[in-house]
Amino acid sequence: QVKLVESGGGLVQAGGSLRLSCAASGSTVSARAMGWHRQAPGKQREWVSHISSGGSTAYARSVTGRFTISRDNAKNTVYLQMNSLKPEDTAVYYCSADYDGGAWDYWGQGTQVTVSS
């Protein structure tokens, strides 16, 4: 069983930055991929970004060029650096881990990000 704990959310003005962290109780080295997702009020959860075990990254079009995902396997932690934040980035952000391919196996409890205009 892997437990994921997100942190780093908060209230920020438009144009500002936040860095989210996702600490895993288990090893992230063995994870095939680690991801970030978000859910805005009244909307479905959407994928934001993920990073593979080999370090390959992918981003949703809405955050490309503004968000950067990274991982520190020594600390079993994944980060999401969010720059040039917009009010539409307001959501609960969730971390996820995939250990066997296919669907995400584990999810964190989420951290709230609020961007004021």
C-alpha atoms as a PDB file:
ATOM      1  CA  GLN A   1       0.000   0.000   0.000  1.00  0.00           C
ATOM      2  CA  VAL A   2       1.305   3.442  -0.920  1.00  0.00           C
ATOM      3  CA  LYS A   3       0.123   6.617   0.748  1.00  0.00           C
ATOM      4  CA  LEU A   4       0.417   9.919  -1.111  1.00  0.00           C
ATOM      5  CA  VAL A   5       0.291  13.230   0.741  1.00  0.00           C
ATOM      6  CA  GLU A   6       0.080  16.509  -1.141  1.00  0.00           C
ATOM      7  CA  SER A   7       1.136  19.870   0.244  1.00  0.00           C
ATOM      8  CA  GLY A   8       1.943  23.359  -0.950  1.00  0.00           C
ATOM      9  CA  GLY A   9      -1.476  24.573  -1.972  1.00  0.00           C
ATOM     10  CA  GLY A  10      -2.815  27.953  -0.966  1.00  0.00           C
ATOM     11  CA  LEU A  11      -4.140  31.299  -2.102  1.00  0.00           C
ATOM     12  CA  VAL A  12      -2.147  33.249  -4.667  1.00  0.00           C
ATOM     13  CA  GLN A  13      -2.801  36.196  -6.940  1.00  0.00           C
ATOM     14  CA  ALA A  14      -2.992  35.773 -10.681  1.00  0.00           C
ATOM     15  CA  GLY A  15       0.476  35.704 -12.165  1.00  0.00           C
ATOM     16  CA  GLY A  16       1.955  34.200  -9.037  1.00  0.00           C
ATOM     17  CA  SER A  17       3.585  30.849  -8.419  1.00  0.00           C
ATOM     18  CA  LEU A  18       3.154  27.838  -6.173  1.00  0.00           C
ATOM     19  CA  ARG A  19       5.033  24.577  -5.838  1.00  0.00           C
ATOM     20  CA  LEU A  20       3.060  21.500  -4.909  1.00  0.00           C
ATOM     21  CA  SER A  21       4.721  18.494  -3.338  1.00  0.00           C
ATOM     22  CA  CYS A  22       3.551  14.900  -3.198  1.00  0.00           C
ATOM     23  CA  ALA A  23       5.304  12.721  -0.644  1.00  0.00           C
ATOM     24  CA  ALA A  24       4.931   8.981  -1.112  1.00  0.00           C
ATOM     25  CA  SER A  25       5.129   6.515   1.774  1.00  0.00           C
ATOM     26  CA  GLY A  26       6.445   3.915  -0.615  1.00  0.00           C
ATOM     27  CA  SER A  27       9.196   4.114  -3.165  1.00  0.00           C
ATOM     28  CA  THR A  28       8.611   6.312  -6.177  1.00  0.00           C
ATOM     29  CA  VAL A  29      11.524   4.656  -7.949  1.00  0.00           C
ATOM     30  CA  SER A  30       9.394   1.620  -8.710  1.00  0.00           C
ATOM     31  CA  ALA A  31       6.418   3.688  -9.860  1.00  0.00           C
ATOM     32  CA  ARG A  32       5.887   3.541 -13.612  1.00  0.00           C
ATOM     33  CA  ALA A  33       4.523   7.064 -13.483  1.00  0.00           C
ATOM     34  CA  MET A  34       3.549   9.785 -11.062  1.00  0.00           C
ATOM     35  CA  GLY A  35       0.866  12.256 -11.966  1.00  0.00           C
ATOM     36  CA  TRP A  36      -0.970  15.406 -11.042  1.00  0.00           C
ATOM     37  CA  HIS A  37      -4.647  16.020 -11.633  1.00  0.00           C
ATOM     38  CA  ARG A  38      -7.102  18.706 -10.616  1.00  0.00           C
ATOM     39  CA  GLN A  39     -10.796  19.157 -10.017  1.00  0.00           C
ATOM     40  CA  ALA A  40     -12.446  22.540 -10.146  1.00  0.00           C
ATOM     41  CA  PRO A  41     -15.827  23.153  -8.488  1.00  0.00           C
ATOM     42  CA  GLY A  42     -18.622  21.654 -10.545  1.00  0.00           C
ATOM     43  CA  LYS A  43     -16.226  20.022 -12.990  1.00  0.00           C
ATOM     44  CA  GLN A  44     -14.790  16.563 -13.479  1.00  0.00           C
ATOM     45  CA  ARG A  45     -11.289  15.706 -12.389  1.00  0.00           C
ATOM     46  CA  GLU A  46      -8.815  16.316 -15.192  1.00  0.00           C
ATOM     47  CA  TRP A  47      -5.286  15.172 -15.821  1.00  0.00           C
ATOM     48  CA  VAL A  48      -2.659  17.917 -15.571  1.00  0.00           C
ATOM     49  CA  SER A  49       0.722  16.247 -15.965  1.00  0.00           C
ATOM     50  CA  HIS A  50       2.701  13.092 -15.388  1.00  0.00           C
ATOM     51  CA  ILE A  51       6.297  11.956 -15.239  1.00  0.00           C
ATOM     52  CA  SER A  52       7.459   8.465 -16.128  1.00  0.00           C
ATOM     53  CA  SER A  53      10.020   6.355 -14.356  1.00  0.00           C
ATOM     54  CA  GLY A  54      12.452   7.333 -17.083  1.00  0.00           C
ATOM     55  CA  GLY A  55      11.822  11.018 -16.556  1.00  0.00           C
ATOM     56  CA  SER A  56       9.630  11.664 -19.584  1.00  0.00           C
ATOM     57  CA  THR A  57       7.004  14.309 -18.941  1.00  0.00           C
ATOM     58  CA  ALA A  58       3.678  15.288 -20.442  1.00  0.00           C
ATOM     59  CA  TYR A  59       1.347  18.184 -19.817  1.00  0.00           C
ATOM     60  CA  ALA A  60      -2.210  19.196 -20.517  1.00  0.00           C
ATOM     61  CA  ARG A  61      -2.400  21.879 -23.145  1.00  0.00           C
ATOM     62  CA  SER A  62      -3.856  24.342 -20.656  1.00  0.00           C
ATOM     63  CA  VAL A  63      -0.736  24.264 -18.467  1.00  0.00           C
ATOM     64  CA  THR A  64       2.028  23.693 -21.009  1.00  0.00           C
ATOM     65  CA  GLY A  65       4.741  26.271 -20.640  1.00  0.00           C
ATOM     66  CA  ARG A  66       3.568  27.298 -17.168  1.00  0.00           C
ATOM     67  CA  PHE A  67       3.760  24.117 -15.076  1.00  0.00           C
ATOM     68  CA  THR A  68       6.738  21.826 -14.563  1.00  0.00           C
ATOM     69  CA  ILE A  69       6.623  18.360 -13.029  1.00  0.00           C
ATOM     70  CA  SER A  70       9.687  16.799 -11.446  1.00  0.00           C
ATOM     71  CA  ARG A  71      10.546  13.947  -9.123  1.00  0.00           C
ATOM     72  CA  ASP A  72      13.160  13.344  -6.453  1.00  0.00           C
ATOM     73  CA  ASN A  73      13.380   9.589  -6.039  1.00  0.00           C
ATOM     74  CA  ALA A  74      15.754   9.914  -3.092  1.00  0.00           C
ATOM     75  CA  LYS A  75      13.008  11.756  -1.228  1.00  0.00           C
ATOM     76  CA  ASN A  76      10.121   9.766  -2.739  1.00  0.00           C
ATOM     77  CA  THR A  77       8.581  13.071  -3.706  1.00  0.00           C
ATOM     78  CA  VAL A  78       7.056  14.513  -6.841  1.00  0.00           C
ATOM     79  CA  TYR A  79       6.688  18.235  -7.420  1.00  0.00           C
ATOM     80  CA  LEU A  80       4.532  20.470  -9.562  1.00  0.00           C
ATOM     81  CA  GLN A  81       5.947  23.938 -10.076  1.00  0.00           C
ATOM     82  CA  MET A  82       3.149  26.229 -11.175  1.00  0.00           C
ATOM     83  CA  ASN A  83       4.013  29.629 -12.620  1.00  0.00           C
ATOM     84  CA  SER A  84       1.934  32.380 -14.210  1.00  0.00           C
ATOM     85  CA  LEU A  85      -1.123  31.098 -12.399  1.00  0.00           C
ATOM     86  CA  LYS A  86      -4.553  32.042 -13.676  1.00  0.00           C
ATOM     87  CA  PRO A  87      -7.918  32.120 -11.905  1.00  0.00           C
ATOM     88  CA  GLU A  88      -8.956  29.139 -14.037  1.00  0.00           C
ATOM     89  CA  ASP A  89      -6.209  27.096 -12.362  1.00  0.00           C
ATOM     90  CA  THR A  90      -8.246  27.206  -9.154  1.00  0.00           C
ATOM     91  CA  ALA A  91      -8.973  23.620  -8.145  1.00  0.00           C
ATOM     92  CA  VAL A  92      -8.136  20.826  -5.764  1.00  0.00           C
ATOM     93  CA  TYR A  93      -4.935  19.246  -7.004  1.00  0.00           C
ATOM     94  CA  TYR A  94      -4.379  15.518  -6.575  1.00  0.00           C
ATOM     95  CA  CYS A  95      -1.271  13.410  -6.852  1.00  0.00           C
ATOM     96  CA  SER A  96      -1.399   9.881  -8.255  1.00  0.00           C
ATOM     97  CA  ALA A  97       0.886   6.909  -8.744  1.00  0.00           C
ATOM     98  CA  ASP A  98       0.882   4.076 -11.247  1.00  0.00           C
ATOM     99  CA  TYR A  99       2.867   0.969 -10.378  1.00  0.00           C
ATOM    100  CA  ASP A 100       1.642  -1.632 -12.828  1.00  0.00           C
ATOM    101  CA  GLY A 101       0.538   0.221 -15.934  1.00  0.00           C
ATOM    102  CA  GLY A 102      -2.977   1.145 -16.919  1.00  0.00           C
ATOM    103  CA  ALA A 103      -5.118   3.036 -14.420  1.00  0.00           C
ATOM    104  CA  TRP A 104      -3.689   5.094 -11.565  1.00  0.00           C
ATOM    105  CA  ASP A 105      -3.287   2.839  -8.543  1.00  0.00           C
ATOM    106  CA  TYR A 106      -3.062   5.358  -5.721  1.00  0.00           C
ATOM    107  CA  TRP A 107      -4.365   8.863  -5.071  1.00  0.00           C
ATOM    108  CA  GLY A 108      -3.625  11.526  -2.504  1.00  0.00           C
ATOM    109  CA  GLN A 109      -6.240  13.448  -0.577  1.00  0.00           C
ATOM    110  CA  GLY A 110      -5.717  16.653  -2.535  1.00  0.00           C
ATOM    111  CA  THR A 111      -4.548  20.179  -1.832  1.00  0.00           C
ATOM    112  CA  GLN A 112      -6.524  23.323  -2.604  1.00  0.00           C
ATOM    113  CA  VAL A 113      -5.110  25.925  -4.967  1.00  0.00           C
ATOM    114  CA  THR A 114      -6.982  29.200  -5.258  1.00  0.00           C
ATOM    115  CA  VAL A 115      -5.910  31.894  -7.697  1.00  0.00           C
ATOM    116  CA  SER A 116      -7.472  35.312  -7.224  1.00  0.00           C
ATOM    117  CA  SER A 117      -7.888  37.780 -10.054  1.00  0.00           C
END
